[in-house]
Amino acid sequence: MKIKDILKNAIENLKQSGIEEASLKAKILLSHILGITKEKLIINGENEINDKISKLYLEKIELLKNHEPIQYIINNQEFMGFDFYVDNNVLIPQPDTENLVEEVLTIINSLKKEFKEKNMYVLDLCTGSGAIAISLSKILDSNRILVYGSDISDKALKIAEENAMQNCSKVVFLKSDIFKNINESYKFDIIVSNPPYIETKTIEGLSEEVRKEPHIALDGGEDGLYFYKQIINNAKKYLNPNGYLAFEIGYNQKKLVEDLLEKNGYKNIYSKKDLSGNDRVIIAQI
């Protein structure tokens, strides 16, 4: 079968199953299997593909029809210009989270003069695939800025370590339920986190694709604030004087998280919006 024909059939099949962005996903999947760009799919549309490739492609299309995220099927997601391996053991890094990374980079760059002759320490809590920690480490590329990532999941940590190797990153990963296994002798200048923040009762109403992601990485407890409360209540013991706490938040959580920070004595609290105009990032200092 020709590339253009199998692609056309796949798109129609996905659309009939109600799959959003059917054309894009069908092209991403076929270009991944063939090892060529999406543009070359069009250029080489008249080329024939063998039965083995056709069978494999159709099997993957069935996964898409069952609402499996495309990122889990191709085991890849781009984030901050880097490629990350992902599967159903980790949350899929989203473009909105790049706002958090960019704001932390801005803070670190503003502190570079202050830390000219000493090391700076950064901790990424609930690291998952390691996307935040690895991106920070790669972009900063400094022996004086030491980045750590922690997670409760052994499977997530294994993936994070693989991603660090794949991206030649020096991040150190630790197994910990928030701060539980992090010794208080560790002191950080910035603690960053994109924790689970979806209300438990809300999860069942999410799209089928999102519900394929690990429940542990989505569920923020009854009010969605469980992890914010735990981190805010304990972070001061792990932050250096004037250290920063940086969160990603849900679109409707700005005031709730700001109130938690204020009640716990944090200062210089501010937020940033994402490209859609939703409150997405909150920063505070001790």
C-alpha atoms as a PDB file:
ATOM      1  CA  MET A   1       0.000   0.000   0.000  1.00  0.00           C
ATOM      2  CA  LYS A   2       1.165   3.540  -0.729  1.00  0.00           C
ATOM      3  CA  ILE A   3       2.044   5.899   2.114  1.00  0.00           C
ATOM      4  CA  LYS A   4      -0.652   8.384   1.113  1.00  0.00           C
ATOM      5  CA  ASP A   5      -3.338   5.663   1.028  1.00  0.00           C
ATOM      6  CA  ILE A   6      -2.593   4.046   4.385  1.00  0.00           C
ATOM      7  CA  LEU A   7      -2.367   7.513   5.933  1.00  0.00           C
ATOM      8  CA  LYS A   8      -5.712   8.584   4.441  1.00  0.00           C
ATOM      9  CA  ASN A   9      -7.403   5.410   5.690  1.00  0.00           C
ATOM     10  CA  ALA A  10      -5.915   5.812   9.163  1.00  0.00           C
ATOM     11  CA  ILE A  11      -7.093   9.422   9.466  1.00  0.00           C
ATOM     12  CA  GLU A  12     -10.630   8.499   8.440  1.00  0.00           C
ATOM     13  CA  ASN A  13     -10.595   5.576  10.879  1.00  0.00           C
ATOM     14  CA  LEU A  14      -9.495   7.795  13.756  1.00  0.00           C
ATOM     15  CA  LYS A  15     -12.034  10.493  12.932  1.00  0.00           C
ATOM     16  CA  GLN A  16     -14.838   7.946  12.905  1.00  0.00           C
ATOM     17  CA  SER A  17     -13.731   6.905  16.405  1.00  0.00           C
ATOM     18  CA  GLY A  18     -13.917  10.508  17.599  1.00  0.00           C
ATOM     19  CA  ILE A  19     -10.169  10.932  18.096  1.00  0.00           C
ATOM     20  CA  GLU A  20      -9.106  14.566  18.294  1.00  0.00           C
ATOM     21  CA  GLU A  21      -6.273  15.786  16.041  1.00  0.00           C
ATOM     22  CA  ALA A  22      -6.651  12.594  14.003  1.00  0.00           C
ATOM     23  CA  SER A  23      -4.598  13.832  11.058  1.00  0.00           C
ATOM     24  CA  LEU A  24      -1.686  15.029  13.199  1.00  0.00           C
ATOM     25  CA  LYS A  25      -1.571  11.861  15.293  1.00  0.00           C
ATOM     26  CA  ALA A  26      -1.757   9.580  12.266  1.00  0.00           C
ATOM     27  CA  LYS A  27       1.149  11.442  10.661  1.00  0.00           C
ATOM     28  CA  ILE A  28       3.253  11.489  13.838  1.00  0.00           C
ATOM     29  CA  LEU A  29       2.759   7.761  14.258  1.00  0.00           C
ATOM     30  CA  LEU A  30       3.613   6.832  10.683  1.00  0.00           C
ATOM     31  CA  SER A  31       6.624   9.148  10.526  1.00  0.00           C
ATOM     32  CA  HIS A  32       7.878   7.582  13.772  1.00  0.00           C
ATOM     33  CA  ILE A  33       7.526   4.045  12.435  1.00  0.00           C
ATOM     34  CA  LEU A  34       9.163   4.912   9.110  1.00  0.00           C
ATOM     35  CA  GLY A  35      11.873   7.048  10.714  1.00  0.00           C
ATOM     36  CA  ILE A  36      11.176  10.074   8.535  1.00  0.00           C
ATOM     37  CA  THR A  37       9.740  13.547   9.129  1.00  0.00           C
ATOM     38  CA  LYS A  38       6.041  14.337   8.704  1.00  0.00           C
ATOM     39  CA  GLU A  39       6.984  16.512   5.729  1.00  0.00           C
ATOM     40  CA  LYS A  40       8.612  13.565   3.974  1.00  0.00           C
ATOM     41  CA  LEU A  41       5.417  11.562   4.358  1.00  0.00           C
ATOM     42  CA  ILE A  42       3.806  13.961   1.905  1.00  0.00           C
ATOM     43  CA  ILE A  43       6.810  14.137  -0.412  1.00  0.00           C
ATOM     44  CA  ASN A  44       7.065  10.338  -0.503  1.00  0.00           C
ATOM     45  CA  GLY A  45       3.322   9.718  -0.571  1.00  0.00           C
ATOM     46  CA  GLU A  46       3.521   7.527  -3.682  1.00  0.00           C
ATOM     47  CA  ASN A  47       6.083   5.199  -2.103  1.00  0.00           C
ATOM     48  CA  GLU A  48       4.943   1.693  -1.189  1.00  0.00           C
ATOM     49  CA  ILE A  49       5.355   0.329   2.342  1.00  0.00           C
ATOM     50  CA  ASN A  50       5.659  -3.366   3.054  1.00  0.00           C
ATOM     51  CA  ASP A  51       3.105  -5.566   4.797  1.00  0.00           C
ATOM     52  CA  LYS A  52       5.123  -5.761   8.017  1.00  0.00           C
ATOM     53  CA  ILE A  53       5.157  -1.970   8.407  1.00  0.00           C
ATOM     54  CA  SER A  54       1.491  -1.719   7.421  1.00  0.00           C
ATOM     55  CA  LYS A  55       0.505  -4.288  10.045  1.00  0.00           C
ATOM     56  CA  LEU A  56       2.514  -2.556  12.758  1.00  0.00           C
ATOM     57  CA  TYR A  57       1.010   0.821  11.858  1.00  0.00           C
ATOM     58  CA  LEU A  58      -2.546  -0.486  11.950  1.00  0.00           C
ATOM     59  CA  GLU A  59      -1.898  -2.084  15.354  1.00  0.00           C
ATOM     60  CA  LYS A  60      -0.727   1.280  16.693  1.00  0.00           C
ATOM     61  CA  ILE A  61      -3.744   3.016  15.149  1.00  0.00           C
ATOM     62  CA  GLU A  62      -5.943   0.678  17.193  1.00  0.00           C
ATOM     63  CA  LEU A  63      -4.163   1.890  20.339  1.00  0.00           C
ATOM     64  CA  LEU A  64      -4.945   5.475  19.338  1.00  0.00           C
ATOM     65  CA  LYS A  65      -8.592   4.516  18.805  1.00  0.00           C
ATOM     66  CA  ASN A  66      -8.599   3.220  22.384  1.00  0.00           C
ATOM     67  CA  HIS A  67      -7.419   6.656  23.535  1.00  0.00           C
ATOM     68  CA  GLU A  68      -3.853   5.662  24.315  1.00  0.00           C
ATOM     69  CA  PRO A  69      -1.800   8.899  24.299  1.00  0.00           C
ATOM     70  CA  ILE A  70       0.374   9.186  21.201  1.00  0.00           C
ATOM     71  CA  GLN A  71       3.357   9.944  23.468  1.00  0.00           C
ATOM     72  CA  TYR A  72       3.057   6.546  25.148  1.00  0.00           C
ATOM     73  CA  ILE A  73       2.781   4.777  21.798  1.00  0.00           C
ATOM     74  CA  ILE A  74       5.953   6.331  20.378  1.00  0.00           C
ATOM     75  CA  ASN A  75       7.570   6.590  23.847  1.00  0.00           C
ATOM     76  CA  ASN A  76       8.612  10.163  23.297  1.00  0.00           C
ATOM     77  CA  GLN A  77       7.692  13.703  24.253  1.00  0.00           C
ATOM     78  CA  GLU A  78       9.608  16.865  23.467  1.00  0.00           C
ATOM     79  CA  PHE A  79      10.018  19.344  26.318  1.00  0.00           C
ATOM     80  CA  MET A  80      12.126  22.514  26.369  1.00  0.00           C
ATOM     81  CA  GLY A  81      13.733  21.368  23.115  1.00  0.00           C
ATOM     82  CA  PHE A  82      14.852  17.999  24.530  1.00  0.00           C
ATOM     83  CA  ASP A  83      13.461  14.522  23.862  1.00  0.00           C
ATOM     84  CA  PHE A  84      12.195  12.467  26.795  1.00  0.00           C
ATOM     85  CA  TYR A  85      11.235   8.820  26.982  1.00  0.00           C
ATOM     86  CA  VAL A  86       7.741   8.416  28.454  1.00  0.00           C
ATOM     87  CA  ASP A  87       5.436   5.510  29.121  1.00  0.00           C
ATOM     88  CA  ASN A  88       2.394   4.940  31.322  1.00  0.00           C
ATOM     89  CA  ASN A  89       4.528   5.058  34.471  1.00  0.00           C
ATOM     90  CA  VAL A  90       5.055   8.816  34.198  1.00  0.00           C
ATOM     91  CA  LEU A  91       3.022  11.922  33.517  1.00  0.00           C
ATOM     92  CA  ILE A  92       3.479  13.277  29.996  1.00  0.00           C
ATOM     93  CA  PRO A  93       5.396  16.592  30.185  1.00  0.00           C
ATOM     94  CA  GLN A  94       3.180  19.372  28.851  1.00  0.00           C
ATOM     95  CA  PRO A  95       4.061  22.669  27.129  1.00  0.00           C
ATOM     96  CA  ASP A  96       2.373  24.599  29.978  1.00  0.00           C
ATOM     97  CA  THR A  97       5.030  23.294  32.364  1.00  0.00           C
ATOM     98  CA  GLU A  98       7.705  25.023  30.291  1.00  0.00           C
ATOM     99  CA  ASN A  99       6.439  28.249  31.895  1.00  0.00           C
ATOM    100  CA  LEU A 100       7.611  26.917  35.258  1.00  0.00           C
ATOM    101  CA  VAL A 101      11.044  25.971  33.924  1.00  0.00           C
ATOM    102  CA  GLU A 102      11.455  29.341  32.213  1.00  0.00           C
ATOM    103  CA  GLU A 103      10.587  31.244  35.402  1.00  0.00           C
ATOM    104  CA  VAL A 104      13.030  29.177  37.463  1.00  0.00           C
ATOM    105  CA  LEU A 105      15.716  29.866  34.852  1.00  0.00           C
ATOM    106  CA  THR A 106      14.985  33.592  35.158  1.00  0.00           C
ATOM    107  CA  ILE A 107      15.391  33.399  38.947  1.00  0.00           C
ATOM    108  CA  ILE A 108      18.635  31.437  38.712  1.00  0.00           C
ATOM    109  CA  ASN A 109      20.105  33.838  36.171  1.00  0.00           C
ATOM    110  CA  SER A 110      19.255  36.752  38.477  1.00  0.00           C
ATOM    111  CA  LEU A 111      21.140  35.026  41.310  1.00  0.00           C
ATOM    112  CA  LYS A 112      24.294  34.140  39.394  1.00  0.00           C
ATOM    113  CA  LYS A 113      26.299  37.111  40.681  1.00  0.00           C
ATOM    114  CA  GLU A 114      25.355  36.259  44.255  1.00  0.00           C
ATOM    115  CA  PHE A 115      26.436  32.641  43.741  1.00  0.00           C
ATOM    116  CA  LYS A 116      29.550  33.459  41.728  1.00  0.00           C
ATOM    117  CA  GLU A 117      31.903  31.702  44.125  1.00  0.00           C
ATOM    118  CA  LYS A 118      29.623  29.059  45.641  1.00  0.00           C
ATOM    119  CA  ASN A 119      27.370  26.270  44.483  1.00  0.00           C
ATOM    120  CA  MET A 120      23.638  26.643  43.931  1.00  0.00           C
ATOM    121  CA  TYR A 121      21.356  23.728  44.788  1.00  0.00           C
ATOM    122  CA  VAL A 122      18.007  23.005  43.084  1.00  0.00           C
ATOM    123  CA  LEU A 123      15.473  20.287  43.975  1.00  0.00           C
ATOM    124  CA  ASP A 124      12.661  19.106  41.708  1.00  0.00           C
ATOM    125  CA  LEU A 125       9.992  17.385  43.828  1.00  0.00           C
ATOM    126  CA  CYS A 126       7.657  14.867  42.137  1.00  0.00           C
ATOM    127  CA  THR A 127      10.086  14.716  39.228  1.00  0.00           C
ATOM    128  CA  GLY A 128       8.309  11.974  37.224  1.00  0.00           C
ATOM    129  CA  SER A 129      10.084  11.636  33.883  1.00  0.00           C
ATOM    130  CA  GLY A 130      12.739  14.073  35.111  1.00  0.00           C
ATOM    131  CA  ALA A 131      11.784  16.612  32.444  1.00  0.00           C
ATOM    132  CA  ILE A 132      11.976  19.694  34.702  1.00  0.00           C
ATOM    133  CA  ALA A 133      15.198  18.751  36.478  1.00  0.00           C
ATOM    134  CA  ILE A 134      16.975  17.575  33.334  1.00  0.00           C
ATOM    135  CA  SER A 135      15.924  20.637  31.328  1.00  0.00           C
ATOM    136  CA  LEU A 136      17.216  22.957  34.064  1.00  0.00           C
ATOM    137  CA  SER A 137      20.495  21.068  34.283  1.00  0.00           C
ATOM    138  CA  LYS A 138      21.010  21.006  30.516  1.00  0.00           C
ATOM    139  CA  ILE A 139      20.173  24.654  29.911  1.00  0.00           C
ATOM    140  CA  LEU A 140      22.171  25.964  32.875  1.00  0.00           C
ATOM    141  CA  ASP A 141      25.138  23.681  32.057  1.00  0.00           C
ATOM    142  CA  SER A 142      27.179  24.692  35.089  1.00  0.00           C
ATOM    143  CA  ASN A 143      29.245  22.649  37.516  1.00  0.00           C
ATOM    144  CA  ARG A 144      28.230  25.118  40.225  1.00  0.00           C
ATOM    145  CA  ILE A 145      24.477  24.548  39.815  1.00  0.00           C
ATOM    146  CA  LEU A 146      23.598  21.126  41.202  1.00  0.00           C
ATOM    147  CA  VAL A 147      20.149  19.761  40.377  1.00  0.00           C
ATOM    148  CA  TYR A 148      18.360  16.984  42.259  1.00  0.00           C
ATOM    149  CA  GLY A 149      15.081  15.246  41.445  1.00  0.00           C
ATOM    150  CA  SER A 150      12.935  13.118  43.748  1.00  0.00           C
ATOM    151  CA  ASP A 151       9.912  10.881  43.347  1.00  0.00           C
ATOM    152  CA  ILE A 152       8.113   8.164  45.305  1.00  0.00           C
ATOM    153  CA  SER A 153       7.815   5.849  42.275  1.00  0.00           C
ATOM    154  CA  ASP A 154      10.659   3.433  41.510  1.00  0.00           C
ATOM    155  CA  LYS A 155       9.419   3.088  37.931  1.00  0.00           C
ATOM    156  CA  ALA A 156       9.342   6.845  37.437  1.00  0.00           C
ATOM    157  CA  LEU A 157      12.844   7.205  38.872  1.00  0.00           C
ATOM    158  CA  LYS A 158      14.169   4.547  36.505  1.00  0.00           C
ATOM    159  CA  ILE A 159      12.711   6.458  33.565  1.00  0.00           C
ATOM    160  CA  ALA A 160      14.105   9.748  34.903  1.00  0.00           C
ATOM    161  CA  GLU A 161      17.568   8.211  35.166  1.00  0.00           C
ATOM    162  CA  GLU A 162      17.302   6.861  31.613  1.00  0.00           C
ATOM    163  CA  ASN A 163      16.285  10.315  30.396  1.00  0.00           C
ATOM    164  CA  ALA A 164      19.228  11.867  32.218  1.00  0.00           C
ATOM    165  CA  MET A 165      21.601   9.461  30.454  1.00  0.00           C
ATOM    166  CA  GLN A 166      19.893  10.041  27.103  1.00  0.00           C
ATOM    167  CA  ASN A 167      20.292  13.799  27.500  1.00  0.00           C
ATOM    168  CA  CYS A 168      23.778  13.642  29.069  1.00  0.00           C
ATOM    169  CA  SER A 169      22.508  15.342  32.223  1.00  0.00           C
ATOM    170  CA  LYS A 170      24.109  15.325  35.678  1.00  0.00           C
ATOM    171  CA  VAL A 171      20.897  15.349  37.735  1.00  0.00           C
ATOM    172  CA  VAL A 172      20.989  13.260  40.922  1.00  0.00           C
ATOM    173  CA  PHE A 173      17.748  11.381  41.584  1.00  0.00           C
ATOM    174  CA  LEU A 174      16.458  10.376  45.026  1.00  0.00           C
ATOM    175  CA  LYS A 175      13.563   8.164  46.098  1.00  0.00           C
ATOM    176  CA  SER A 176      11.356  10.067  48.521  1.00  0.00           C
ATOM    177  CA  ASP A 177       7.726  10.643  49.412  1.00  0.00           C
ATOM    178  CA  ILE A 178       7.981  14.434  49.192  1.00  0.00           C
ATOM    179  CA  PHE A 179      10.614  15.237  51.879  1.00  0.00           C
ATOM    180  CA  LYS A 180      10.307  11.988  53.853  1.00  0.00           C
ATOM    181  CA  ASN A 181      13.642  10.478  52.765  1.00  0.00           C
ATOM    182  CA  ILE A 182      15.502  13.750  52.217  1.00  0.00           C
ATOM    183  CA  ASN A 183      17.848  14.503  55.094  1.00  0.00           C
ATOM    184  CA  GLU A 184      17.425  17.948  56.610  1.00  0.00           C
ATOM    185  CA  SER A 185      21.153  18.483  56.126  1.00  0.00           C
ATOM    186  CA  TYR A 186      20.320  18.976  52.436  1.00  0.00           C
ATOM    187  CA  LYS A 187      19.765  22.681  51.829  1.00  0.00           C
ATOM    188  CA  PHE A 188      18.450  24.027  48.547  1.00  0.00           C
ATOM    189  CA  ASP A 189      18.287  27.487  47.047  1.00  0.00           C
ATOM    190  CA  ILE A 190      15.293  26.633  44.879  1.00  0.00           C
ATOM    191  CA  ILE A 191      12.678  23.911  45.296  1.00  0.00           C
ATOM    192  CA  VAL A 192      10.532  23.470  42.204  1.00  0.00           C
ATOM    193  CA  SER A 193       7.540  21.180  41.792  1.00  0.00           C
ATOM    194  CA  ASN A 194       4.746  20.288  39.421  1.00  0.00           C
ATOM    195  CA  PRO A 195       2.866  18.117  41.923  1.00  0.00           C
ATOM    196  CA  PRO A 196      -0.392  16.192  41.425  1.00  0.00           C
ATOM    197  CA  TYR A 197      -3.069  18.884  41.758  1.00  0.00           C
ATOM    198  CA  ILE A 198      -6.324  17.541  40.334  1.00  0.00           C
ATOM    199  CA  GLU A 199      -9.199  17.038  42.778  1.00  0.00           C
ATOM    200  CA  THR A 200      -9.907  13.325  43.277  1.00  0.00           C
ATOM    201  CA  LYS A 201     -13.556  13.633  42.247  1.00  0.00           C
ATOM    202  CA  THR A 202     -12.577  15.507  39.068  1.00  0.00           C
ATOM    203  CA  ILE A 203     -10.333  12.785  37.651  1.00  0.00           C
ATOM    204  CA  GLU A 204     -13.196  10.616  36.383  1.00  0.00           C
ATOM    205  CA  GLY A 205     -14.422  13.548  34.305  1.00  0.00           C
ATOM    206  CA  LEU A 206     -11.128  14.016  32.490  1.00  0.00           C
ATOM    207  CA  SER A 207     -10.592  12.868  28.919  1.00  0.00           C
ATOM    208  CA  GLU A 208      -9.911   9.173  28.358  1.00  0.00           C
ATOM    209  CA  GLU A 209      -6.382  10.002  27.209  1.00  0.00           C
ATOM    210  CA  VAL A 210      -5.531  11.892  30.387  1.00  0.00           C
ATOM    211  CA  ARG A 211      -6.980   9.078  32.498  1.00  0.00           C
ATOM    212  CA  LYS A 212      -4.436   6.736  30.873  1.00  0.00           C
ATOM    213  CA  GLU A 213      -1.709   8.648  32.724  1.00  0.00           C
ATOM    214  CA  PRO A 214      -0.670   7.368  36.177  1.00  0.00           C
ATOM    215  CA  HIS A 215      -3.316   8.136  38.790  1.00  0.00           C
ATOM    216  CA  ILE A 216      -0.609   8.831  41.371  1.00  0.00           C
ATOM    217  CA  ALA A 217       0.674  11.700  39.210  1.00  0.00           C
ATOM    218  CA  LEU A 218      -2.784  13.271  38.827  1.00  0.00           C
ATOM    219  CA  ASP A 219      -4.552  12.941  42.175  1.00  0.00           C
ATOM    220  CA  GLY A 220      -4.024  15.943  44.439  1.00  0.00           C
ATOM    221  CA  GLY A 221      -6.463  14.755  47.080  1.00  0.00           C
ATOM    222  CA  GLU A 222      -9.998  15.826  47.870  1.00  0.00           C
ATOM    223  CA  ASP A 223      -9.307  19.555  47.392  1.00  0.00           C
ATOM    224  CA  GLY A 224      -6.374  19.217  44.966  1.00  0.00           C
ATOM    225  CA  LEU A 225      -4.088  20.866  47.505  1.00  0.00           C
ATOM    226  CA  TYR A 226      -2.661  17.886  49.389  1.00  0.00           C
ATOM    227  CA  PHE A 227       0.850  18.127  47.937  1.00  0.00           C
ATOM    228  CA  TYR A 228       0.983  21.927  48.082  1.00  0.00           C
ATOM    229  CA  LYS A 229       0.180  21.766  51.786  1.00  0.00           C
ATOM    230  CA  GLN A 230       2.835  19.113  52.446  1.00  0.00           C
ATOM    231  CA  ILE A 231       5.516  20.932  50.487  1.00  0.00           C
ATOM    232  CA  ILE A 232       4.712  24.415  51.827  1.00  0.00           C
ATOM    233  CA  ASN A 233       4.582  23.158  55.419  1.00  0.00           C
ATOM    234  CA  ASN A 234       7.979  21.464  55.213  1.00  0.00           C
ATOM    235  CA  ALA A 235      10.020  23.309  52.582  1.00  0.00           C
ATOM    236  CA  LYS A 236      11.461  25.876  54.984  1.00  0.00           C
ATOM    237  CA  LYS A 237      13.530  23.162  56.658  1.00  0.00           C
ATOM    238  CA  TYR A 238      15.188  22.425  53.326  1.00  0.00           C
ATOM    239  CA  LEU A 239      15.619  25.916  51.885  1.00  0.00           C
ATOM    240  CA  ASN A 240      18.578  28.210  52.427  1.00  0.00           C
ATOM    241  CA  PRO A 241      17.841  31.760  53.686  1.00  0.00           C
ATOM    242  CA  ASN A 242      15.870  33.689  51.033  1.00  0.00           C
ATOM    243  CA  GLY A 243      15.399  30.446  49.123  1.00  0.00           C
ATOM    244  CA  TYR A 244      12.651  30.101  46.518  1.00  0.00           C
ATOM    245  CA  LEU A 245       9.667  27.797  46.189  1.00  0.00           C
ATOM    246  CA  ALA A 246       8.318  27.450  42.621  1.00  0.00           C
ATOM    247  CA  PHE A 247       5.076  25.641  41.745  1.00  0.00           C
ATOM    248  CA  GLU A 248       2.985  24.811  38.742  1.00  0.00           C
ATOM    249  CA  ILE A 249      -0.698  25.201  39.666  1.00  0.00           C
ATOM    250  CA  GLY A 250      -4.092  24.405  38.201  1.00  0.00           C
ATOM    251  CA  TYR A 251      -5.926  27.208  36.415  1.00  0.00           C
ATOM    252  CA  ASN A 252      -8.209  27.853  39.421  1.00  0.00           C
ATOM    253  CA  GLN A 253      -5.737  27.383  42.285  1.00  0.00           C
ATOM    254  CA  LYS A 254      -3.866  30.696  42.401  1.00  0.00           C
ATOM    255  CA  LYS A 255      -5.605  32.212  45.430  1.00  0.00           C
ATOM    256  CA  LEU A 256      -5.754  28.926  47.315  1.00  0.00           C
ATOM    257  CA  VAL A 257      -2.013  28.305  46.964  1.00  0.00           C
ATOM    258  CA  GLU A 258      -1.130  31.949  47.627  1.00  0.00           C
ATOM    259  CA  ASP A 259      -3.183  31.827  50.844  1.00  0.00           C
ATOM    260  CA  LEU A 260      -1.309  28.709  51.953  1.00  0.00           C
ATOM    261  CA  LEU A 261       2.010  30.442  51.320  1.00  0.00           C
ATOM    262  CA  GLU A 262       0.981  33.599  53.160  1.00  0.00           C
ATOM    263  CA  LYS A 263      -0.302  31.658  56.174  1.00  0.00           C
ATOM    264  CA  ASN A 264       3.038  29.865  56.378  1.00  0.00           C
ATOM    265  CA  GLY A 265       5.041  33.095  56.355  1.00  0.00           C
ATOM    266  CA  TYR A 266       6.405  33.093  52.815  1.00  0.00           C
ATOM    267  CA  LYS A 267       7.190  36.440  51.204  1.00  0.00           C
ATOM    268  CA  ASN A 268       7.547  38.017  47.748  1.00  0.00           C
ATOM    269  CA  ILE A 269       4.743  35.836  46.386  1.00  0.00           C
ATOM    270  CA  TYR A 270       3.854  36.314  42.733  1.00  0.00           C
ATOM    271  CA  SER A 271       2.288  34.370  39.872  1.00  0.00           C
ATOM    272  CA  LYS A 272       2.723  34.009  36.118  1.00  0.00           C
ATOM    273  CA  LYS A 273       0.203  33.155  33.421  1.00  0.00           C
ATOM    274  CA  ASP A 274       0.630  30.671  30.585  1.00  0.00           C
ATOM    275  CA  LEU A 275       0.116  31.476  26.907  1.00  0.00           C
ATOM    276  CA  SER A 276      -3.613  30.779  27.267  1.00  0.00           C
ATOM    277  CA  GLY A 277      -3.911  33.426  29.971  1.00  0.00           C
ATOM    278  CA  ASN A 278      -4.376  30.936  32.816  1.00  0.00           C
ATOM    279  CA  ASP A 279      -2.533  31.324  36.114  1.00  0.00           C
ATOM    280  CA  ARG A 280       0.116  28.622  35.851  1.00  0.00           C
ATOM    281  CA  VAL A 281       3.136  29.399  38.063  1.00  0.00           C
ATOM    282  CA  ILE A 282       3.502  30.646  41.645  1.00  0.00           C
ATOM    283  CA  ILE A 283       6.806  31.751  43.173  1.00  0.00           C
ATOM    284  CA  ALA A 284       7.558  32.531  46.811  1.00  0.00           C
ATOM    285  CA  GLN A 285      10.539  33.107  49.093  1.00  0.00           C
ATOM    286  CA  ILE A 286      11.157  32.173  52.702  1.00  0.00           C
END
